[in-house]
Amino acid sequence: MSIYGFARGVVKSILTPLFRVEIIGEENIPKDAGVIVCSNHISNFDPPVVGMTFPRPVYFMAKAELFKVPGLKTLLPKIYAFPVKRGLSDRDALRKGISILKEGGALGLFPEGSRSKDGKLGKGMAGVGFFALRSNAVIVPCAVIGPYKPFKKLQVVYGKPIDVTEMRKERVSSEEVTEVVMKEIGLLLDKYQ
């Protein structure tokens, strides 16, 4: 078993009963194509919760500073995290993300960029559109619906995949793709909250 698989199992065994995690829409997740998982961001628990509920390994970007911490710099790549320099156009991180998608992997993104202070869905950044337009990946919108309180139900809802093939042909911008994704996440939140 890989370190990722082991860590996922440990996280799942702790967080599933603690937050009474319910998964909705797992059938919407493609089994083997490149996929971008886009979720709202309400807690530091979001990456492990999305990672443990998604049926395939998910790669996440993590702030570059974490890769300087002893222990973490060795562990993070083994649990499929890779560094991104925030506030900059980090070409290495962008190349790594595209490579994951072209190889048929799953890339997890939080389009808002940072956690929502009030739980409301914020504006998405263009990164989602960038990755979608430069790969053949579909986008799976995801809504994490809290609260993250012990023994209160937490829902992780996966929506239908968004295929951007037509948008690519129409030469839409990264921002326009991101707007479509944020609208779909918003619809999931409205439906299940």
N, C-alpha and C. Protein backbone atom coordinates (compact mmCIF):
# COMPACT_ATOMS: atom_id res chain seq x y z
N MET A 1 0.85 -1.19 0.00
CA MET A 1 0.00 0.00 0.00
C MET A 1 0.89 1.25 0.00
N SER A 2 0.51 2.23 -0.80
CA SER A 2 1.29 3.48 -0.86
C SER A 2 1.06 4.31 0.39
N ILE A 3 1.95 5.28 0.60
CA ILE A 3 1.78 6.20 1.74
C ILE A 3 0.48 6.98 1.55
N TYR A 4 0.17 7.35 0.30
CA TYR A 4 -1.09 8.06 0.02
C TYR A 4 -2.28 7.21 0.46
N GLY A 5 -2.29 5.94 0.05
CA GLY A 5 -3.39 5.04 0.40
C GLY A 5 -3.52 4.85 1.89
N PHE A 6 -2.38 4.71 2.57
CA PHE A 6 -2.39 4.53 4.02
C PHE A 6 -2.93 5.80 4.70
N ALA A 7 -2.39 6.96 4.28
CA ALA A 7 -2.82 8.24 4.89
C ALA A 7 -4.31 8.47 4.65
N ARG A 8 -4.76 8.16 3.43
CA ARG A 8 -6.19 8.33 3.10
C ARG A 8 -7.05 7.45 4.00
N GLY A 9 -6.62 6.21 4.20
CA GLY A 9 -7.37 5.29 5.07
C GLY A 9 -7.44 5.78 6.51
N VAL A 10 -6.32 6.31 7.02
CA VAL A 10 -6.30 6.83 8.40
C VAL A 10 -7.22 8.03 8.53
N VAL A 11 -7.10 8.97 7.58
CA VAL A 11 -7.94 10.18 7.61
C VAL A 11 -9.41 9.80 7.54
N LYS A 12 -9.73 8.88 6.64
CA LYS A 12 -11.12 8.46 6.46
C LYS A 12 -11.67 7.81 7.73
N SER A 13 -10.86 6.98 8.38
CA SER A 13 -11.33 6.28 9.59
C SER A 13 -11.58 7.24 10.75
N ILE A 14 -10.91 8.39 10.73
CA ILE A 14 -11.10 9.38 11.80
C ILE A 14 -12.21 10.38 11.44
N LEU A 15 -12.12 10.97 10.25
CA LEU A 15 -13.03 12.07 9.91
C LEU A 15 -14.44 11.61 9.53
N THR A 16 -14.58 10.42 8.93
CA THR A 16 -15.92 9.97 8.53
C THR A 16 -16.86 9.87 9.73
N PRO A 17 -16.48 9.17 10.82
CA PRO A 17 -17.40 9.14 11.96
C PRO A 17 -17.46 10.46 12.72
N LEU A 18 -16.33 11.18 12.78
CA LEU A 18 -16.30 12.44 13.54
C LEU A 18 -17.27 13.47 12.97
N PHE A 19 -17.27 13.61 11.62
CA PHE A 19 -18.13 14.60 10.99
C PHE A 19 -19.35 13.99 10.29
N ARG A 20 -19.59 12.69 10.53
CA ARG A 20 -20.72 11.99 9.92
C ARG A 20 -20.80 12.32 8.42
N VAL A 21 -19.69 12.08 7.72
CA VAL A 21 -19.56 12.46 6.32
C VAL A 21 -20.49 11.65 5.43
N GLU A 22 -21.26 12.38 4.62
CA GLU A 22 -22.15 11.77 3.63
C GLU A 22 -21.69 12.20 2.24
N ILE A 23 -21.51 11.25 1.34
CA ILE A 23 -21.09 11.55 -0.03
C ILE A 23 -22.30 11.44 -0.95
N ILE A 24 -22.49 12.48 -1.76
CA ILE A 24 -23.60 12.50 -2.72
C ILE A 24 -23.00 12.73 -4.11
N GLY A 25 -23.45 11.97 -5.10
CA GLY A 25 -23.05 12.20 -6.48
C GLY A 25 -21.75 11.54 -6.91
N GLU A 26 -21.32 10.53 -6.17
CA GLU A 26 -20.07 9.85 -6.53
C GLU A 26 -20.12 9.27 -7.95
N GLU A 27 -21.34 8.94 -8.41
CA GLU A 27 -21.49 8.38 -9.75
C GLU A 27 -21.14 9.40 -10.84
N ASN A 28 -21.03 10.68 -10.49
CA ASN A 28 -20.68 11.73 -11.45
C ASN A 28 -19.19 11.80 -11.75
N ILE A 29 -18.39 11.04 -11.03
CA ILE A 29 -16.93 11.15 -11.15
C ILE A 29 -16.42 10.18 -12.21
N PRO A 30 -15.76 10.72 -13.26
CA PRO A 30 -15.19 9.83 -14.28
C PRO A 30 -14.16 8.88 -13.66
N LYS A 31 -14.15 7.65 -14.14
CA LYS A 31 -13.29 6.62 -13.53
C LYS A 31 -11.83 6.74 -13.92
N ASP A 32 -11.55 7.20 -15.16
CA ASP A 32 -10.16 7.12 -15.59
C ASP A 32 -9.65 8.28 -16.43
N ALA A 33 -10.45 9.29 -16.66
CA ALA A 33 -9.98 10.43 -17.46
C ALA A 33 -9.36 11.49 -16.55
N GLY A 34 -8.62 12.42 -17.16
CA GLY A 34 -8.14 13.56 -16.39
C GLY A 34 -9.32 14.36 -15.88
N VAL A 35 -9.27 14.74 -14.61
CA VAL A 35 -10.40 15.45 -14.00
C VAL A 35 -9.90 16.51 -13.03
N ILE A 36 -10.55 17.67 -13.08
CA ILE A 36 -10.27 18.75 -12.13
C ILE A 36 -11.42 18.78 -11.15
N VAL A 37 -11.13 18.55 -9.88
CA VAL A 37 -12.15 18.59 -8.84
C VAL A 37 -12.13 20.00 -8.26
N CYS A 38 -13.24 20.72 -8.37
CA CYS A 38 -13.30 22.11 -7.90
C CYS A 38 -14.31 22.23 -6.78
N SER A 39 -13.83 22.63 -5.62
CA SER A 39 -14.70 22.71 -4.44
C SER A 39 -14.70 24.10 -3.84
N ASN A 40 -15.80 24.41 -3.15
CA ASN A 40 -15.80 25.59 -2.29
C ASN A 40 -14.79 25.35 -1.17
N HIS A 41 -14.46 26.39 -0.41
CA HIS A 41 -13.39 26.25 0.59
C HIS A 41 -13.84 26.90 1.90
N ILE A 42 -14.23 26.07 2.88
CA ILE A 42 -14.74 26.60 4.14
C ILE A 42 -13.87 26.25 5.34
N SER A 43 -12.90 25.34 5.16
CA SER A 43 -12.11 24.88 6.31
C SER A 43 -10.77 24.31 5.86
N ASN A 44 -9.81 24.27 6.79
CA ASN A 44 -8.55 23.59 6.53
C ASN A 44 -8.76 22.09 6.33
N PHE A 45 -9.90 21.58 6.77
CA PHE A 45 -10.21 20.16 6.60
C PHE A 45 -10.65 19.82 5.17
N ASP A 46 -10.95 20.84 4.35
CA ASP A 46 -11.46 20.57 3.00
C ASP A 46 -10.56 19.66 2.16
N PRO A 47 -9.24 19.93 2.06
CA PRO A 47 -8.42 19.03 1.22
C PRO A 47 -8.47 17.57 1.66
N PRO A 48 -8.28 17.26 2.97
CA PRO A 48 -8.37 15.84 3.31
C PRO A 48 -9.77 15.26 3.12
N VAL A 49 -10.81 16.05 3.33
CA VAL A 49 -12.18 15.54 3.17
C VAL A 49 -12.48 15.27 1.69
N VAL A 50 -12.09 16.20 0.82
CA VAL A 50 -12.29 15.96 -0.62
C VAL A 50 -11.43 14.77 -1.05
N GLY A 51 -10.19 14.73 -0.58
CA GLY A 51 -9.29 13.63 -0.93
C GLY A 51 -9.80 12.27 -0.50
N MET A 52 -10.41 12.20 0.68
CA MET A 52 -10.86 10.89 1.19
C MET A 52 -12.20 10.46 0.58
N THR A 53 -12.99 11.42 0.09
CA THR A 53 -14.31 11.06 -0.48
C THR A 53 -14.25 10.85 -1.98
N PHE A 54 -13.20 11.35 -2.62
CA PHE A 54 -13.04 11.17 -4.06
C PHE A 54 -12.49 9.77 -4.29
N PRO A 55 -13.07 8.98 -5.19
CA PRO A 55 -12.68 7.57 -5.31
C PRO A 55 -11.32 7.33 -5.98
N ARG A 56 -10.67 8.38 -6.41
CA ARG A 56 -9.36 8.27 -7.05
C ARG A 56 -8.36 9.16 -6.30
N PRO A 57 -7.07 8.87 -6.40
CA PRO A 57 -6.09 9.77 -5.77
C PRO A 57 -6.21 11.19 -6.35
N VAL A 58 -6.11 12.18 -5.47
CA VAL A 58 -6.22 13.58 -5.88
C VAL A 58 -4.92 14.30 -5.53
N TYR A 59 -4.38 15.02 -6.50
CA TYR A 59 -3.21 15.88 -6.28
C TYR A 59 -3.70 17.27 -5.89
N PHE A 60 -3.09 17.83 -4.87
CA PHE A 60 -3.43 19.19 -4.44
C PHE A 60 -2.18 20.07 -4.45
N MET A 61 -2.36 21.32 -4.80
CA MET A 61 -1.29 22.30 -4.63
C MET A 61 -1.27 22.71 -3.17
N ALA A 62 -0.09 22.91 -2.64
CA ALA A 62 0.04 23.41 -1.26
C ALA A 62 1.04 24.56 -1.27
N LYS A 63 0.85 25.53 -0.38
CA LYS A 63 1.74 26.69 -0.41
C LYS A 63 3.19 26.25 -0.22
N ALA A 64 4.05 26.87 -1.00
CA ALA A 64 5.47 26.48 -1.08
C ALA A 64 6.15 26.49 0.29
N GLU A 65 5.71 27.38 1.18
CA GLU A 65 6.34 27.49 2.51
C GLU A 65 6.27 26.17 3.28
N LEU A 66 5.21 25.40 3.05
CA LEU A 66 5.06 24.13 3.77
C LEU A 66 6.15 23.13 3.41
N PHE A 67 6.70 23.26 2.21
CA PHE A 67 7.73 22.33 1.75
C PHE A 67 9.11 22.66 2.33
N LYS A 68 9.16 23.71 3.16
CA LYS A 68 10.41 24.05 3.85
C LYS A 68 10.40 23.55 5.29
N VAL A 69 9.25 23.04 5.73
CA VAL A 69 9.12 22.56 7.10
C VAL A 69 9.69 21.14 7.19
N PRO A 70 10.64 20.92 8.12
CA PRO A 70 11.20 19.56 8.25
C PRO A 70 10.08 18.54 8.47
N GLY A 71 10.20 17.40 7.83
CA GLY A 71 9.18 16.36 7.92
C GLY A 71 8.12 16.53 6.85
N LEU A 72 7.53 17.74 6.77
CA LEU A 72 6.49 17.98 5.76
C LEU A 72 7.05 17.92 4.36
N LYS A 73 8.27 18.45 4.17
CA LYS A 73 8.83 18.48 2.82
C LYS A 73 9.04 17.07 2.26
N THR A 74 9.19 16.09 3.15
CA THR A 74 9.31 14.69 2.71
C THR A 74 7.93 14.06 2.55
N LEU A 75 7.02 14.37 3.49
CA LEU A 75 5.70 13.76 3.49
C LEU A 75 4.78 14.27 2.37
N LEU A 76 4.75 15.57 2.17
CA LEU A 76 3.77 16.16 1.24
C LEU A 76 3.80 15.55 -0.17
N PRO A 77 4.97 15.39 -0.80
CA PRO A 77 4.94 14.76 -2.13
C PRO A 77 4.40 13.33 -2.11
N LYS A 78 4.58 12.63 -0.98
CA LYS A 78 4.10 11.25 -0.89
C LYS A 78 2.59 11.17 -0.75
N ILE A 79 1.97 12.28 -0.33
CA ILE A 79 0.50 12.31 -0.27
C ILE A 79 -0.06 13.17 -1.40
N TYR A 80 0.73 13.27 -2.46
CA TYR A 80 0.33 13.89 -3.72
C TYR A 80 0.08 15.39 -3.64
N ALA A 81 0.85 16.07 -2.79
CA ALA A 81 0.80 17.53 -2.77
C ALA A 81 2.04 18.04 -3.49
N PHE A 82 1.89 19.16 -4.17
CA PHE A 82 3.05 19.78 -4.82
C PHE A 82 3.02 21.28 -4.56
N PRO A 83 4.21 21.92 -4.55
CA PRO A 83 4.27 23.31 -4.12
C PRO A 83 3.80 24.31 -5.16
N VAL A 84 3.20 25.39 -4.67
CA VAL A 84 2.83 26.52 -5.51
C VAL A 84 3.21 27.79 -4.74
N LYS A 85 3.82 28.72 -5.46
CA LYS A 85 4.16 30.02 -4.86
C LYS A 85 2.94 30.90 -5.02
N ARG A 86 2.33 31.25 -3.92
CA ARG A 86 1.10 32.03 -3.99
C ARG A 86 1.38 33.48 -4.36
N GLY A 87 0.43 34.07 -5.09
CA GLY A 87 0.56 35.47 -5.47
C GLY A 87 1.45 35.67 -6.69
N LEU A 88 1.99 34.60 -7.22
CA LEU A 88 2.85 34.70 -8.40
C LEU A 88 2.31 33.76 -9.48
N SER A 89 2.77 33.98 -10.69
CA SER A 89 2.47 33.01 -11.74
C SER A 89 3.57 31.96 -11.65
N ASP A 90 3.27 30.86 -10.99
CA ASP A 90 4.27 29.82 -10.72
C ASP A 90 4.25 28.81 -11.86
N ARG A 91 5.17 28.99 -12.81
CA ARG A 91 5.20 28.15 -14.02
C ARG A 91 5.42 26.67 -13.69
N ASP A 92 6.26 26.39 -12.69
CA ASP A 92 6.51 24.99 -12.33
C ASP A 92 5.23 24.31 -11.84
N ALA A 93 4.47 25.02 -10.99
CA ALA A 93 3.21 24.45 -10.47
C ALA A 93 2.20 24.28 -11.60
N LEU A 94 2.14 25.25 -12.52
CA LEU A 94 1.21 25.15 -13.65
C LEU A 94 1.57 23.96 -14.53
N ARG A 95 2.86 23.79 -14.80
CA ARG A 95 3.32 22.65 -15.63
C ARG A 95 2.99 21.32 -14.94
N LYS A 96 3.22 21.27 -13.63
CA LYS A 96 2.94 20.03 -12.87
C LYS A 96 1.45 19.69 -12.95
N GLY A 97 0.59 20.70 -12.76
CA GLY A 97 -0.86 20.48 -12.83
C GLY A 97 -1.31 19.97 -14.19
N ILE A 98 -0.79 20.59 -15.26
CA ILE A 98 -1.13 20.16 -16.62
C ILE A 98 -0.66 18.73 -16.86
N SER A 99 0.54 18.43 -16.39
CA SER A 99 1.10 17.08 -16.56
C SER A 99 0.22 16.02 -15.88
N ILE A 100 -0.24 16.31 -14.66
CA ILE A 100 -1.12 15.38 -13.93
C ILE A 100 -2.38 15.10 -14.75
N LEU A 101 -2.98 16.17 -15.29
CA LEU A 101 -4.23 16.02 -16.05
C LEU A 101 -4.01 15.28 -17.36
N LYS A 102 -2.92 15.58 -18.04
CA LYS A 102 -2.66 14.91 -19.33
C LYS A 102 -2.37 13.43 -19.14
N GLU A 103 -1.89 13.05 -17.95
CA GLU A 103 -1.65 11.64 -17.65
C GLU A 103 -2.91 10.94 -17.11
N GLY A 104 -4.04 11.66 -17.12
CA GLY A 104 -5.31 11.06 -16.68
C GLY A 104 -5.54 11.11 -15.18
N GLY A 105 -4.77 11.96 -14.47
CA GLY A 105 -4.91 12.07 -13.03
C GLY A 105 -6.00 13.05 -12.61
N ALA A 106 -6.18 13.18 -11.30
CA ALA A 106 -7.17 14.10 -10.73
C ALA A 106 -6.44 15.22 -9.99
N LEU A 107 -6.81 16.44 -10.31
CA LEU A 107 -6.23 17.63 -9.69
C LEU A 107 -7.30 18.33 -8.87
N GLY A 108 -7.05 18.52 -7.59
CA GLY A 108 -8.01 19.19 -6.72
C GLY A 108 -7.70 20.67 -6.60
N LEU A 109 -8.69 21.51 -6.85
CA LEU A 109 -8.52 22.96 -6.75
C LEU A 109 -9.63 23.58 -5.92
N PHE A 110 -9.28 24.64 -5.22
CA PHE A 110 -10.26 25.46 -4.50
C PHE A 110 -10.23 26.82 -5.19
N PRO A 111 -11.14 27.03 -6.16
CA PRO A 111 -11.06 28.21 -7.02
C PRO A 111 -11.08 29.54 -6.28
N GLU A 112 -11.67 29.58 -5.08
CA GLU A 112 -11.70 30.84 -4.33
C GLU A 112 -10.30 31.24 -3.86
N GLY A 113 -9.38 30.29 -3.80
CA GLY A 113 -8.01 30.59 -3.42
C GLY A 113 -7.74 30.54 -1.94
N SER A 114 -8.66 31.02 -1.14
CA SER A 114 -8.52 30.95 0.31
C SER A 114 -9.87 30.64 0.93
N ARG A 115 -9.83 30.30 2.22
CA ARG A 115 -11.07 29.90 2.89
C ARG A 115 -12.04 31.06 3.00
N SER A 116 -13.31 30.73 2.88
CA SER A 116 -14.37 31.72 3.07
C SER A 116 -14.54 31.98 4.57
N LYS A 117 -14.53 33.23 4.95
CA LYS A 117 -14.67 33.58 6.38
C LYS A 117 -16.11 33.39 6.87
N ASP A 118 -17.07 33.62 5.95
CA ASP A 118 -18.48 33.55 6.36
C ASP A 118 -19.22 32.33 5.81
N GLY A 119 -18.49 31.45 5.12
CA GLY A 119 -19.12 30.25 4.56
C GLY A 119 -19.79 30.47 3.22
N LYS A 120 -19.89 31.74 2.79
CA LYS A 120 -20.51 32.03 1.49
C LYS A 120 -19.48 31.81 0.38
N LEU A 121 -19.98 31.42 -0.79
CA LEU A 121 -19.11 31.17 -1.93
C LEU A 121 -18.57 32.48 -2.47
N GLY A 122 -17.25 32.56 -2.59
CA GLY A 122 -16.60 33.77 -3.10
C GLY A 122 -16.37 33.70 -4.60
N LYS A 123 -15.66 34.67 -5.10
CA LYS A 123 -15.33 34.73 -6.53
C LYS A 123 -14.21 33.74 -6.82
N GLY A 124 -14.31 33.04 -7.93
CA GLY A 124 -13.28 32.09 -8.33
C GLY A 124 -12.16 32.75 -9.10
N MET A 125 -10.97 32.21 -8.99
CA MET A 125 -9.83 32.72 -9.74
C MET A 125 -9.67 31.93 -11.03
N ALA A 126 -8.96 32.50 -11.98
CA ALA A 126 -8.90 31.97 -13.34
C ALA A 126 -8.13 30.65 -13.47
N GLY A 127 -7.46 30.18 -12.43
CA GLY A 127 -6.64 28.97 -12.52
C GLY A 127 -7.40 27.75 -13.01
N VAL A 128 -8.64 27.60 -12.57
CA VAL A 128 -9.46 26.46 -13.00
C VAL A 128 -9.60 26.46 -14.51
N GLY A 129 -9.96 27.61 -15.05
CA GLY A 129 -10.11 27.74 -16.49
C GLY A 129 -8.81 27.49 -17.22
N PHE A 130 -7.71 27.98 -16.66
CA PHE A 130 -6.39 27.77 -17.26
C PHE A 130 -6.13 26.29 -17.44
N PHE A 131 -6.30 25.51 -16.37
CA PHE A 131 -6.02 24.07 -16.43
C PHE A 131 -7.00 23.35 -17.38
N ALA A 132 -8.27 23.74 -17.32
CA ALA A 132 -9.28 23.07 -18.15
C ALA A 132 -9.05 23.32 -19.64
N LEU A 133 -8.69 24.54 -19.98
CA LEU A 133 -8.52 24.89 -21.39
C LEU A 133 -7.23 24.33 -21.99
N ARG A 134 -6.27 24.00 -21.14
CA ARG A 134 -4.98 23.50 -21.62
C ARG A 134 -4.81 21.99 -21.45
N SER A 135 -5.89 21.33 -21.13
CA SER A 135 -5.84 19.87 -21.00
C SER A 135 -7.16 19.32 -21.57
N ASN A 136 -7.29 18.03 -21.60
CA ASN A 136 -8.56 17.43 -22.03
C ASN A 136 -9.41 17.03 -20.83
N ALA A 137 -9.08 17.57 -19.67
CA ALA A 137 -9.78 17.19 -18.44
C ALA A 137 -11.18 17.77 -18.39
N VAL A 138 -12.07 17.03 -17.75
CA VAL A 138 -13.39 17.57 -17.41
C VAL A 138 -13.30 18.14 -16.00
N ILE A 139 -14.26 18.97 -15.65
CA ILE A 139 -14.29 19.58 -14.33
C ILE A 139 -15.45 18.98 -13.55
N VAL A 140 -15.19 18.51 -12.34
CA VAL A 140 -16.26 18.02 -11.47
C VAL A 140 -16.45 19.05 -10.35
N PRO A 141 -17.60 19.75 -10.36
CA PRO A 141 -17.86 20.69 -9.27
C PRO A 141 -18.17 19.94 -7.98
N CYS A 142 -17.76 20.50 -6.87
CA CYS A 142 -17.95 19.85 -5.57
C CYS A 142 -18.37 20.90 -4.55
N ALA A 143 -19.32 20.54 -3.71
CA ALA A 143 -19.74 21.42 -2.62
C ALA A 143 -19.55 20.70 -1.30
N VAL A 144 -18.75 21.30 -0.42
CA VAL A 144 -18.60 20.79 0.94
C VAL A 144 -19.56 21.60 1.79
N ILE A 145 -20.51 20.92 2.40
CA ILE A 145 -21.56 21.60 3.15
C ILE A 145 -21.44 21.21 4.61
N GLY A 146 -21.06 22.17 5.43
CA GLY A 146 -20.75 21.95 6.84
C GLY A 146 -21.97 22.04 7.72
N PRO A 147 -21.73 22.19 9.01
CA PRO A 147 -20.50 22.69 9.62
C PRO A 147 -19.53 21.56 9.96
N TYR A 148 -18.26 21.93 10.13
CA TYR A 148 -17.27 20.97 10.63
C TYR A 148 -17.37 20.97 12.16
N LYS A 149 -18.38 20.30 12.65
CA LYS A 149 -18.55 20.17 14.09
C LYS A 149 -18.71 18.69 14.40
N PRO A 150 -18.06 18.22 15.47
CA PRO A 150 -18.15 16.79 15.79
C PRO A 150 -19.59 16.30 15.85
N PHE A 151 -19.83 15.22 15.13
CA PHE A 151 -21.09 14.48 15.11
C PHE A 151 -22.26 15.24 14.50
N LYS A 152 -21.97 16.36 13.79
CA LYS A 152 -22.97 17.02 12.95
C LYS A 152 -22.70 16.56 11.53
N LYS A 153 -23.74 16.39 10.73
CA LYS A 153 -23.55 15.84 9.39
C LYS A 153 -22.82 16.81 8.47
N LEU A 154 -21.83 16.29 7.75
CA LEU A 154 -21.09 17.04 6.74
C LEU A 154 -21.36 16.35 5.40
N GLN A 155 -21.79 17.12 4.41
CA GLN A 155 -22.06 16.55 3.09
C GLN A 155 -20.98 16.97 2.10
N VAL A 156 -20.57 16.03 1.27
CA VAL A 156 -19.67 16.32 0.16
C VAL A 156 -20.43 15.91 -1.09
N VAL A 157 -20.80 16.93 -1.89
CA VAL A 157 -21.66 16.71 -3.05
C VAL A 157 -20.86 16.92 -4.33
N TYR A 158 -20.86 15.90 -5.19
CA TYR A 158 -20.19 15.98 -6.49
C TYR A 158 -21.24 16.16 -7.58
N GLY A 159 -21.08 17.22 -8.37
CA GLY A 159 -22.02 17.49 -9.45
C GLY A 159 -21.60 16.81 -10.75
N LYS A 160 -22.43 16.99 -11.76
CA LYS A 160 -22.15 16.38 -13.07
C LYS A 160 -20.92 17.04 -13.69
N PRO A 161 -20.09 16.25 -14.40
CA PRO A 161 -18.87 16.81 -15.01
C PRO A 161 -19.18 17.90 -16.03
N ILE A 162 -18.32 18.89 -16.06
CA ILE A 162 -18.42 19.98 -17.03
C ILE A 162 -17.35 19.72 -18.09
N ASP A 163 -17.80 19.51 -19.33
CA ASP A 163 -16.88 19.29 -20.44
C ASP A 163 -16.65 20.63 -21.13
N VAL A 164 -15.40 21.07 -21.21
CA VAL A 164 -15.12 22.39 -21.78
C VAL A 164 -14.71 22.33 -23.26
N THR A 165 -14.95 21.18 -23.92
CA THR A 165 -14.56 21.02 -25.33
C THR A 165 -15.13 22.15 -26.19
N GLU A 166 -16.43 22.43 -26.04
CA GLU A 166 -17.06 23.48 -26.85
C GLU A 166 -16.50 24.86 -26.49
N MET A 167 -16.26 25.07 -25.21
CA MET A 167 -15.70 26.36 -24.78
C MET A 167 -14.32 26.57 -25.39
N ARG A 168 -13.55 25.47 -25.48
CA ARG A 168 -12.21 25.55 -26.11
C ARG A 168 -12.35 26.01 -27.55
N LYS A 169 -13.31 25.42 -28.28
CA LYS A 169 -13.52 25.77 -29.69
C LYS A 169 -13.95 27.23 -29.84
N GLU A 170 -14.74 27.70 -28.87
CA GLU A 170 -15.24 29.08 -28.93
C GLU A 170 -14.21 30.08 -28.40
N ARG A 171 -13.07 29.56 -27.96
CA ARG A 171 -11.97 30.39 -27.44
C ARG A 171 -12.41 31.29 -26.29
N VAL A 172 -13.17 30.73 -25.36
CA VAL A 172 -13.57 31.50 -24.19
C VAL A 172 -12.35 31.68 -23.28
N SER A 173 -12.44 32.65 -22.39
CA SER A 173 -11.31 32.94 -21.50
C SER A 173 -11.32 32.01 -20.29
N SER A 174 -10.19 31.95 -19.62
CA SER A 174 -10.08 31.17 -18.37
C SER A 174 -11.09 31.68 -17.35
N GLU A 175 -11.27 33.00 -17.29
CA GLU A 175 -12.21 33.60 -16.34
C GLU A 175 -13.64 33.12 -16.61
N GLU A 176 -14.01 33.04 -17.90
CA GLU A 176 -15.37 32.61 -18.25
C GLU A 176 -15.61 31.15 -17.84
N VAL A 177 -14.59 30.30 -18.04
CA VAL A 177 -14.71 28.90 -17.61
C VAL A 177 -14.90 28.85 -16.10
N THR A 178 -14.09 29.62 -15.38
CA THR A 178 -14.19 29.64 -13.92
C THR A 178 -15.57 30.10 -13.46
N GLU A 179 -16.14 31.08 -14.15
CA GLU A 179 -17.49 31.55 -13.79
C GLU A 179 -18.52 30.44 -13.92
N VAL A 180 -18.41 29.63 -14.97
CA VAL A 180 -19.32 28.49 -15.17
C VAL A 180 -19.18 27.52 -13.99
N VAL A 181 -17.94 27.23 -13.62
CA VAL A 181 -17.68 26.29 -12.52
C VAL A 181 -18.25 26.83 -11.21
N MET A 182 -18.01 28.10 -10.92
CA MET A 182 -18.49 28.69 -9.66
C MET A 182 -20.02 28.69 -9.61
N LYS A 183 -20.65 28.91 -10.77
CA LYS A 183 -22.11 28.86 -10.82
C LYS A 183 -22.60 27.46 -10.46
N GLU A 184 -21.93 26.41 -11.00
CA GLU A 184 -22.33 25.03 -10.71
C GLU A 184 -22.12 24.68 -9.23
N ILE A 185 -21.01 25.14 -8.65
CA ILE A 185 -20.80 24.91 -7.21
C ILE A 185 -21.90 25.62 -6.41
N GLY A 186 -22.24 26.83 -6.82
CA GLY A 186 -23.31 27.58 -6.15
C GLY A 186 -24.65 26.86 -6.22
N LEU A 187 -24.95 26.26 -7.38
CA LEU A 187 -26.20 25.52 -7.53
C LEU A 187 -26.23 24.29 -6.60
N LEU A 188 -25.08 23.61 -6.46
CA LEU A 188 -25.03 22.47 -5.54
C LEU A 188 -25.26 22.93 -4.10
N LEU A 189 -24.64 24.05 -3.73
CA LEU A 189 -24.83 24.59 -2.37
C LEU A 189 -26.30 24.94 -2.13
N ASP A 190 -26.92 25.60 -3.12
CA ASP A 190 -28.33 25.99 -2.99
C ASP A 190 -29.23 24.76 -2.85
N LYS A 191 -28.93 23.71 -3.60
CA LYS A 191 -29.78 22.53 -3.61
C LYS A 191 -29.69 21.74 -2.31
N TYR A 192 -28.49 21.65 -1.73
CA TYR A 192 -28.30 20.74 -0.59
C TYR A 192 -28.18 21.42 0.76
N GLN A 193 -28.03 22.74 0.80
CA GLN A 193 -27.89 23.40 2.10
C GLN A 193 -29.21 23.48 2.84
